[in-house]
Amino acid sequence: MGRYQTRKKKLRLALYIEQGGRCFWCRHSMIIKTKRNAKVVWDHPDMCTLDHLVLRCEGGPLSYRNAVAACRWCNNRRHKSVAMKSADQSPAPPISKLKVKRAGGSRS
C-alpha cells in the first residue's frame, strides 16, 4: 500500500471515529472494514468512504479540513449530481441522451 493510500485509510478511520460511526450527510450508521469483519464487501451501501468536500480533480487536497466520512450511497449520489451539473453546462449532449447501438444488433 502506497503512502497516499495509507494516509487516506488513517484519515477515513479518524473521521469515522470523530463522527461516531455516522454518515456526515444522512447520519445513517456506517460500517468500516477491519480485520474482524474482513468479509464485508467494499461496495456495500453502508460502507464508510472518504468524501472530499472540494473534489480532488478540482484541486481539493487530501486533508482533514477537506474530508468527511460518508456512506458509499451518499458519496456516490453526491458525485453523480456534481457530474450531471457539469454535463449540463457543457456544449455536448450528456452521454445518457446519446443513442447507442448494441453490439448484438437491435432487439425486436
Foldseek 3Di string as FASTA:
>chain_A
DDPVVVLQVVLQVVQCVVLVQAFPPPRDHADEDDPVPVVDDPPPQRHWHKAFQQDVVNPGDPDNVGIHIHGNNVRVVVVVVVVVVVQVPDPDHDPVPDDDADPVGDDD
